Amino acid sequence: MPREPLQRGDTMDDLERLALRPAEAARILGISARTLWSWTRRGVVPYVHVGRIVRYPRAALEAWLAEQAARHSAPESEAEGSADE
């Protein structure tokens, strides 16, 4: 669904943010802010600097999470094969 163009008087609370603040990203991922900072420093999660501010692009986090889920879930054929043994 295309995003609506910004209108005069719109606030970021009225719109879906493209990039999240650290507390928002941690809450959405279901992790602590401390864990998020640790992952950020190690380059585990996608982030960008906007000047000196760290932000987490929503689309990049969603793609990263989907990649993590795919990497850590067993393929159906392996799951079915282990049940037969």
PDB file of N, CA and C in Angstrom:
ATOM      1  N   MET A   1       0.838  -1.173   0.000  1.00  0.00           N
ATOM      2  CA  MET A   1       0.000   0.000   0.000  1.00  0.00           C
ATOM      3  C   MET A   1       0.887   1.242   0.000  1.00  0.00           C
ATOM      4  N   PRO A   2       0.692   2.165  -0.939  1.00  0.00           N
ATOM      5  CA  PRO A   2       1.530   3.361  -0.991  1.00  0.00           C
ATOM      6  C   PRO A   2       1.281   4.240   0.228  1.00  0.00           C
ATOM      7  N   ARG A   3       2.342   4.896   0.648  1.00  0.00           N
ATOM      8  CA  ARG A   3       2.221   5.813   1.777  1.00  0.00           C
ATOM      9  C   ARG A   3       1.570   7.113   1.321  1.00  0.00           C
ATOM     10  N   GLU A   4       0.797   7.689   2.221  1.00  0.00           N
ATOM     11  CA  GLU A   4       0.201   8.997   1.944  1.00  0.00           C
ATOM     12  C   GLU A   4       1.296  10.058   2.005  1.00  0.00           C
ATOM     13  N   PRO A   5       1.248  11.060   1.141  1.00  0.00           N
ATOM     14  CA  PRO A   5       2.253  12.118   1.221  1.00  0.00           C
ATOM     15  C   PRO A   5       2.086  12.901   2.521  1.00  0.00           C
ATOM     16  N   LEU A   6       3.192  13.455   2.997  1.00  0.00           N
ATOM     17  CA  LEU A   6       3.138  14.268   4.201  1.00  0.00           C
ATOM     18  C   LEU A   6       2.287  15.508   3.955  1.00  0.00           C
ATOM     19  N   GLN A   7       1.485  15.829   4.922  1.00  0.00           N
ATOM     20  CA  GLN A   7       0.657  17.019   4.858  1.00  0.00           C
ATOM     21  C   GLN A   7       1.101  17.987   5.936  1.00  0.00           C
ATOM     22  N   ARG A   8       0.885  19.248   5.714  1.00  0.00           N
ATOM     23  CA  ARG A   8       1.224  20.247   6.725  1.00  0.00           C
ATOM     24  C   ARG A   8       0.451  19.937   8.008  1.00  0.00           C
ATOM     25  N   GLY A   9       1.175  19.925   9.122  1.00  0.00           N
ATOM     26  CA  GLY A   9       0.541  19.640  10.407  1.00  0.00           C
ATOM     27  C   GLY A   9       0.622  18.177  10.818  1.00  0.00           C
ATOM     28  N   ASP A  10       1.042  17.292   9.902  1.00  0.00           N
ATOM     29  CA  ASP A  10       1.205  15.891  10.265  1.00  0.00           C
ATOM     30  C   ASP A  10       2.343  15.767  11.261  1.00  0.00           C
ATOM     31  N   THR A  11       2.184  14.879  12.201  1.00  0.00           N
ATOM     32  CA  THR A  11       3.273  14.561  13.121  1.00  0.00           C
ATOM     33  C   THR A  11       3.726  13.149  12.837  1.00  0.00           C
ATOM     34  N   MET A  12       4.914  12.803  13.322  1.00  0.00           N
ATOM     35  CA  MET A  12       5.421  11.450  13.096  1.00  0.00           C
ATOM     36  C   MET A  12       4.550  10.421  13.816  1.00  0.00           C
ATOM     37  N   ASP A  13       3.853  10.835  14.886  1.00  0.00           N
ATOM     38  CA  ASP A  13       2.951   9.899  15.550  1.00  0.00           C
ATOM     39  C   ASP A  13       1.764   9.554  14.663  1.00  0.00           C
ATOM     40  N   ASP A  14       1.420  10.446  13.740  1.00  0.00           N
ATOM     41  CA  ASP A  14       0.298  10.223  12.831  1.00  0.00           C
ATOM     42  C   ASP A  14       0.673   9.295  11.676  1.00  0.00           C
ATOM     43  N   LEU A  15       1.957   9.129  11.441  1.00  0.00           N
ATOM     44  CA  LEU A  15       2.436   8.387  10.282  1.00  0.00           C
ATOM     45  C   LEU A  15       3.292   7.212  10.719  1.00  0.00           C
ATOM     46  N   GLU A  16       3.412   6.247   9.869  1.00  0.00           N
ATOM     47  CA  GLU A  16       4.329   5.136  10.144  1.00  0.00           C
ATOM     48  C   GLU A  16       5.749   5.645   9.924  1.00  0.00           C
ATOM     49  N   ARG A  17       6.568   5.490  10.928  1.00  0.00           N
ATOM     50  CA  ARG A  17       7.944   5.979  10.831  1.00  0.00           C
ATOM     51  C   ARG A  17       8.772   5.060   9.948  1.00  0.00           C
ATOM     52  N   LEU A  18       9.644   5.665   9.163  1.00  0.00           N
ATOM     53  CA  LEU A  18      10.579   4.889   8.348  1.00  0.00           C
ATOM     54  C   LEU A  18      11.706   4.331   9.199  1.00  0.00           C
ATOM     55  N   ALA A  19      12.095   5.063  10.227  1.00  0.00           N
ATOM     56  CA  ALA A  19      13.188   4.635  11.099  1.00  0.00           C
ATOM     57  C   ALA A  19      12.749   4.803  12.553  1.00  0.00           C
ATOM     58  N   LEU A  20      13.124   3.832  13.366  1.00  0.00           N
ATOM     59  CA  LEU A  20      12.695   3.790  14.755  1.00  0.00           C
ATOM     60  C   LEU A  20      13.772   4.269  15.702  1.00  0.00           C
ATOM     61  N   ARG A  21      13.364   4.841  16.806  1.00  0.00           N
ATOM     62  CA  ARG A  21      14.276   5.177  17.889  1.00  0.00           C
ATOM     63  C   ARG A  21      14.688   3.869  18.564  1.00  0.00           C
ATOM     64  N   PRO A  22      15.808   3.874  19.277  1.00  0.00           N
ATOM     65  CA  PRO A  22      16.262   2.638  19.924  1.00  0.00           C
ATOM     66  C   PRO A  22      15.213   1.991  20.831  1.00  0.00           C
ATOM     67  N   ALA A  23      14.539   2.771  21.659  1.00  0.00           N
ATOM     68  CA  ALA A  23      13.532   2.191  22.562  1.00  0.00           C
ATOM     69  C   ALA A  23      12.391   1.554  21.787  1.00  0.00           C
ATOM     70  N   GLU A  24      11.989   2.181  20.674  1.00  0.00           N
ATOM     71  CA  GLU A  24      10.914   1.636  19.842  1.00  0.00           C
ATOM     72  C   GLU A  24      11.356   0.333  19.175  1.00  0.00           C
ATOM     73  N   ALA A  25      12.569   0.333  18.642  1.00  0.00           N
ATOM     74  CA  ALA A  25      13.082  -0.870  17.970  1.00  0.00           C
ATOM     75  C   ALA A  25      13.202  -2.019  18.953  1.00  0.00           C
ATOM     76  N   ALA A  26      13.714  -1.749  20.153  1.00  0.00           N
ATOM     77  CA  ALA A  26      13.852  -2.798  21.171  1.00  0.00           C
ATOM     78  C   ALA A  26      12.486  -3.356  21.533  1.00  0.00           C
ATOM     79  N   ARG A  27      11.512  -2.486  21.740  1.00  0.00           N
ATOM     80  CA  ARG A  27      10.165  -2.936  22.110  1.00  0.00           C
ATOM     81  C   ARG A  27       9.553  -3.792  21.009  1.00  0.00           C
ATOM     82  N   ILE A  28       9.683  -3.348  19.764  1.00  0.00           N
ATOM     83  CA  ILE A  28       9.118  -4.098  18.639  1.00  0.00           C
ATOM     84  C   ILE A  28       9.777  -5.468  18.494  1.00  0.00           C
ATOM     85  N   LEU A  29      11.101  -5.529  18.715  1.00  0.00           N
ATOM     86  CA  LEU A  29      11.822  -6.805  18.617  1.00  0.00           C
ATOM     87  C   LEU A  29      11.625  -7.682  19.848  1.00  0.00           C
ATOM     88  N   GLY A  30      11.099  -7.100  20.921  1.00  0.00           N
ATOM     89  CA  GLY A  30      10.871  -7.870  22.137  1.00  0.00           C
ATOM     90  C   GLY A  30      12.148  -8.148  22.911  1.00  0.00           C
ATOM     91  N   ILE A  31      13.097  -7.213  22.848  1.00  0.00           N
ATOM     92  CA  ILE A  31      14.363  -7.365  23.548  1.00  0.00           C
ATOM     93  C   ILE A  31      14.606  -6.123  24.394  1.00  0.00           C
ATOM     94  N   SER A  32      15.564  -6.197  25.276  1.00  0.00           N
ATOM     95  CA  SER A  32      15.888  -5.035  26.095  1.00  0.00           C
ATOM     96  C   SER A  32      16.687  -4.017  25.287  1.00  0.00           C
ATOM     97  N   ALA A  33      16.658  -2.780  25.749  1.00  0.00           N
ATOM     98  CA  ALA A  33      17.451  -1.741  25.098  1.00  0.00           C
ATOM     99  C   ALA A  33      18.935  -2.069  25.193  1.00  0.00           C
ATOM    100  N   ARG A  34      19.349  -2.658  26.298  1.00  0.00           N
ATOM    101  CA  ARG A  34      20.757  -3.034  26.472  1.00  0.00           C
ATOM    102  C   ARG A  34      21.176  -4.081  25.424  1.00  0.00           C
ATOM    103  N   THR A  35      20.323  -5.065  25.177  1.00  0.00           N
ATOM    104  CA  THR A  35      20.622  -6.078  24.158  1.00  0.00           C
ATOM    105  C   THR A  35      20.694  -5.429  22.774  1.00  0.00           C
ATOM    106  N   LEU A  36      19.764  -4.525  22.498  1.00  0.00           N
ATOM    107  CA  LEU A  36      19.778  -3.845  21.209  1.00  0.00           C
ATOM    108  C   LEU A  36      21.078  -3.066  21.021  1.00  0.00           C
ATOM    109  N   TRP A  37      21.529  -2.343  22.044  1.00  0.00           N
ATOM    110  CA  TRP A  37      22.784  -1.593  21.931  1.00  0.00           C
ATOM    111  C   TRP A  37      23.961  -2.537  21.715  1.00  0.00           C
ATOM    112  N   SER A  38      23.946  -3.674  22.396  1.00  0.00           N
ATOM    113  CA  SER A  38      25.024  -4.657  22.218  1.00  0.00           C
ATOM    114  C   SER A  38      25.042  -5.168  20.779  1.00  0.00           C
ATOM    115  N   TRP A  39      23.868  -5.518  20.265  1.00  0.00           N
ATOM    116  CA  TRP A  39      23.773  -6.000  18.889  1.00  0.00           C
ATOM    117  C   TRP A  39      24.173  -4.910  17.899  1.00  0.00           C
ATOM    118  N   THR A  40      23.821  -3.664  18.213  1.00  0.00           N
ATOM    119  CA  THR A  40      24.173  -2.539  17.336  1.00  0.00           C
ATOM    120  C   THR A  40      25.686  -2.385  17.270  1.00  0.00           C
ATOM    121  N   ARG A  41      26.336  -2.379  18.418  1.00  0.00           N
ATOM    122  CA  ARG A  41      27.801  -2.224  18.450  1.00  0.00           C
ATOM    123  C   ARG A  41      28.493  -3.353  17.709  1.00  0.00           C
ATOM    124  N   ARG A  42      27.940  -4.564  17.775  1.00  0.00           N
ATOM    125  CA  ARG A  42      28.549  -5.719  17.099  1.00  0.00           C
ATOM    126  C   ARG A  42      28.135  -5.822  15.634  1.00  0.00           C
ATOM    127  N   GLY A  43      27.227  -4.976  15.182  1.00  0.00           N
ATOM    128  CA  GLY A  43      26.784  -5.012  13.788  1.00  0.00           C
ATOM    129  C   GLY A  43      25.807  -6.137  13.492  1.00  0.00           C
ATOM    130  N   VAL A  44      25.118  -6.615  14.514  1.00  0.00           N
ATOM    131  CA  VAL A  44      24.173  -7.721  14.340  1.00  0.00           C
ATOM    132  C   VAL A  44      22.884  -7.251  13.682  1.00  0.00           C
ATOM    133  N   VAL A  45      22.373  -6.099  14.098  1.00  0.00           N
ATOM    134  CA  VAL A  45      21.118  -5.574  13.556  1.00  0.00           C
ATOM    135  C   VAL A  45      21.404  -4.404  12.626  1.00  0.00           C
ATOM    136  N   PRO A  46      20.533  -4.192  11.632  1.00  0.00           N
ATOM    137  CA  PRO A  46      20.732  -3.055  10.731  1.00  0.00           C
ATOM    138  C   PRO A  46      20.384  -1.742  11.424  1.00  0.00           C
ATOM    139  N   TYR A  47      21.218  -0.735  11.202  1.00  0.00           N
ATOM    140  CA  TYR A  47      20.974   0.588  11.769  1.00  0.00           C
ATOM    141  C   TYR A  47      21.640   1.628  10.882  1.00  0.00           C
ATOM    142  N   VAL A  48      21.262   2.855  11.079  1.00  0.00           N
ATOM    143  CA  VAL A  48      21.875   3.966  10.359  1.00  0.00           C
ATOM    144  C   VAL A  48      22.149   5.093  11.348  1.00  0.00           C
ATOM    145  N   HIS A  49      23.128   5.906  11.004  1.00  0.00           N
ATOM    146  CA  HIS A  49      23.374   7.132  11.751  1.00  0.00           C
ATOM    147  C   HIS A  49      22.732   8.280  10.982  1.00  0.00           C
ATOM    148  N   VAL A  50      21.985   9.100  11.684  1.00  0.00           N
ATOM    149  CA  VAL A  50      21.453  10.337  11.134  1.00  0.00           C
ATOM    150  C   VAL A  50      22.148  11.418  11.945  1.00  0.00           C
ATOM    151  N   GLY A  51      23.251  11.893  11.405  1.00  0.00           N
ATOM    152  CA  GLY A  51      24.124  12.742  12.213  1.00  0.00           C
ATOM    153  C   GLY A  51      24.740  11.871  13.298  1.00  0.00           C
ATOM    154  N   ARG A  52      24.554  12.270  14.544  1.00  0.00           N
ATOM    155  CA  ARG A  52      25.071  11.471  15.661  1.00  0.00           C
ATOM    156  C   ARG A  52      24.014  10.559  16.249  1.00  0.00           C
ATOM    157  N   ILE A  53      22.816  10.585  15.692  1.00  0.00           N
ATOM    158  CA  ILE A  53      21.689   9.813  16.214  1.00  0.00           C
ATOM    159  C   ILE A  53      21.623   8.459  15.519  1.00  0.00           C
ATOM    160  N   VAL A  54      21.377   7.409  16.293  1.00  0.00           N
ATOM    161  CA  VAL A  54      21.219   6.059  15.739  1.00  0.00           C
ATOM    162  C   VAL A  54      19.734   5.797  15.538  1.00  0.00           C
ATOM    163  N   ARG A  55      19.397   5.321  14.357  1.00  0.00           N
ATOM    164  CA  ARG A  55      18.018   4.942  14.044  1.00  0.00           C
ATOM    165  C   ARG A  55      18.032   3.559  13.400  1.00  0.00           C
ATOM    166  N   TYR A  56      16.905   2.877  13.508  1.00  0.00           N
ATOM    167  CA  TYR A  56      16.751   1.528  12.989  1.00  0.00           C
ATOM    168  C   TYR A  56      15.669   1.554  11.907  1.00  0.00           C
ATOM    169  N   PRO A  57      16.060   1.437  10.625  1.00  0.00           N
ATOM    170  CA  PRO A  57      15.066   1.465   9.549  1.00  0.00           C
ATOM    171  C   PRO A  57      14.072   0.309   9.692  1.00  0.00           C
ATOM    172  N   ARG A  58      12.808   0.646   9.723  1.00  0.00           N
ATOM    173  CA  ARG A  58      11.744  -0.355   9.927  1.00  0.00           C
ATOM    174  C   ARG A  58      11.829  -1.477   8.888  1.00  0.00           C
ATOM    175  N   ALA A  59      11.936  -1.136   7.614  1.00  0.00           N
ATOM    176  CA  ALA A  59      11.965  -2.154   6.558  1.00  0.00           C
ATOM    177  C   ALA A  59      13.198  -3.052   6.701  1.00  0.00           C
ATOM    178  N   ALA A  60      14.336  -2.472   7.061  1.00  0.00           N
ATOM    179  CA  ALA A  60      15.556  -3.266   7.229  1.00  0.00           C
ATOM    180  C   ALA A  60      15.418  -4.211   8.422  1.00  0.00           C
ATOM    181  N   LEU A  61      14.803  -3.746   9.507  1.00  0.00           N
ATOM    182  CA  LEU A  61      14.585  -4.619  10.669  1.00  0.00           C
ATOM    183  C   LEU A  61      13.645  -5.769  10.323  1.00  0.00           C
ATOM    184  N   GLU A  62      12.583  -5.462   9.572  1.00  0.00           N
ATOM    185  CA  GLU A  62      11.637  -6.511   9.171  1.00  0.00           C
ATOM    186  C   GLU A  62      12.331  -7.556   8.299  1.00  0.00           C
ATOM    187  N   ALA A  63      13.143  -7.106   7.346  1.00  0.00           N
ATOM    188  CA  ALA A  63      13.873  -8.039   6.475  1.00  0.00           C
ATOM    189  C   ALA A  63      14.877  -8.853   7.287  1.00  0.00           C
ATOM    190  N   TRP A  64      15.582  -8.209   8.210  1.00  0.00           N
ATOM    191  CA  TRP A  64      16.558  -8.899   9.053  1.00  0.00           C
ATOM    192  C   TRP A  64      15.872  -9.958   9.904  1.00  0.00           C
ATOM    193  N   LEU A  65      14.728  -9.622  10.488  1.00  0.00           N
ATOM    194  CA  LEU A  65      14.004 -10.565  11.332  1.00  0.00           C
ATOM    195  C   LEU A  65      13.517 -11.764  10.510  1.00  0.00           C
ATOM    196  N   ALA A  66      13.021 -11.509   9.309  1.00  0.00           N
ATOM    197  CA  ALA A  66      12.583 -12.604   8.435  1.00  0.00           C
ATOM    198  C   ALA A  66      13.764 -13.508   8.081  1.00  0.00           C
ATOM    199  N   GLU A  67      14.922 -12.915   7.827  1.00  0.00           N
ATOM    200  CA  GLU A  67      16.126 -13.693   7.529  1.00  0.00           C
ATOM    201  C   GLU A  67      16.531 -14.552   8.729  1.00  0.00           C
ATOM    202  N   GLN A  68      16.459 -13.969   9.915  1.00  0.00           N
ATOM    203  CA  GLN A  68      16.799 -14.725  11.125  1.00  0.00           C
ATOM    204  C   GLN A  68      15.835 -15.891  11.330  1.00  0.00           C
ATOM    205  N   ALA A  69      14.560 -15.652  11.103  1.00  0.00           N
ATOM    206  CA  ALA A  69      13.551 -16.706  11.261  1.00  0.00           C
ATOM    207  C   ALA A  69      13.797 -17.833  10.262  1.00  0.00           C
ATOM    208  N   ALA A  70      14.115 -17.473   9.016  1.00  0.00           N
ATOM    209  CA  ALA A  70      14.374 -18.493   7.994  1.00  0.00           C
ATOM    210  C   ALA A  70      15.633 -19.285   8.313  1.00  0.00           C
ATOM    211  N   ARG A  71      16.647 -18.604   8.818  1.00  0.00           N
ATOM    212  CA  ARG A  71      17.919 -19.250   9.132  1.00  0.00           C
ATOM    213  C   ARG A  71      17.794 -20.228  10.295  1.00  0.00           C
ATOM    214  N   HIS A  72      16.948 -19.906  11.249  1.00  0.00           N
ATOM    215  CA  HIS A  72      16.867 -20.709  12.466  1.00  0.00           C
ATOM    216  C   HIS A  72      15.692 -21.676  12.499  1.00  0.00           C
ATOM    217  N   SER A  73      14.930 -21.755  11.433  1.00  0.00           N
ATOM    218  CA  SER A  73      13.836 -22.727  11.395  1.00  0.00           C
ATOM    219  C   SER A  73      14.252 -23.887  10.496  1.00  0.00           C
ATOM    220  N   ALA A  74      13.869 -25.080  10.898  1.00  0.00           N
ATOM    221  CA  ALA A  74      14.227 -26.282  10.133  1.00  0.00           C
ATOM    222  C   ALA A  74      13.344 -26.377   8.900  1.00  0.00           C
ATOM    223  N   PRO A  75      13.916 -26.769   7.766  1.00  0.00           N
ATOM    224  CA  PRO A  75      13.097 -27.003   6.573  1.00  0.00           C
ATOM    225  C   PRO A  75      12.084 -28.112   6.848  1.00  0.00           C
ATOM    226  N   GLU A  76      10.940 -28.046   6.175  1.00  0.00           N
ATOM    227  CA  GLU A  76       9.877 -29.030   6.404  1.00  0.00           C
ATOM    228  C   GLU A  76      10.343 -30.451   6.169  1.00  0.00           C
ATOM    229  N   SER A  77      11.165 -30.673   5.144  1.00  0.00           N
ATOM    230  CA  SER A  77      11.596 -32.038   4.840  1.00  0.00           C
ATOM    231  C   SER A  77      12.443 -32.621   5.979  1.00  0.00           C
ATOM    232  N   GLU A  78      13.289 -31.780   6.607  1.00  0.00           N
ATOM    233  CA  GLU A  78      14.089 -32.253   7.720  1.00  0.00           C
ATOM    234  C   GLU A  78      13.207 -32.532   8.930  1.00  0.00           C
ATOM    235  N   ALA A  79      12.228 -31.672   9.175  1.00  0.00           N
ATOM    236  CA  ALA A  79      11.328 -31.839  10.309  1.00  0.00           C
ATOM    237  C   ALA A  79      10.510 -33.109  10.144  1.00  0.00           C
ATOM    238  N   GLU A  80      10.032 -33.369   8.931  1.00  0.00           N
ATOM    239  CA  GLU A  80       9.244 -34.576   8.680  1.00  0.00           C
ATOM    240  C   GLU A  80      10.121 -35.816   8.789  1.00  0.00           C
ATOM    241  N   GLY A  81      11.351 -35.729   8.298  1.00  0.00           N
ATOM    242  CA  GLY A  81      12.251 -36.880   8.342  1.00  0.00           C
ATOM    243  C   GLY A  81      12.622 -37.255   9.759  1.00  0.00           C
ATOM    244  N   SER A  82      12.829 -36.294  10.629  1.00  0.00           N
ATOM    245  CA  SER A  82      13.209 -36.605  12.010  1.00  0.00           C
ATOM    246  C   SER A  82      12.045 -37.218  12.776  1.00  0.00           C
ATOM    247  N   ALA A  83      10.817 -36.928  12.387  1.00  0.00           N
ATOM    248  CA  ALA A  83       9.661 -37.508  13.082  1.00  0.00           C
ATOM    249  C   ALA A  83       9.496 -38.979  12.739  1.00  0.00           C
ATOM    250  N   ASP A  84       9.994 -39.412  11.575  1.00  0.00           N
ATOM    251  CA  ASP A  84       9.844 -40.797  11.147  1.00  0.00           C
ATOM    252  C   ASP A  84      10.849 -41.705  11.809  1.00  0.00           C
ATOM    253  N   GLU A  85      11.935 -41.142  12.336  1.00  0.00           N
ATOM    254  CA  GLU A  85      12.994 -41.985  12.904  1.00  0.00           C
ATOM    255  C   GLU A  85      12.656 -42.515  14.251  1.00  0.00           C
TER     256      GLU A  85
END
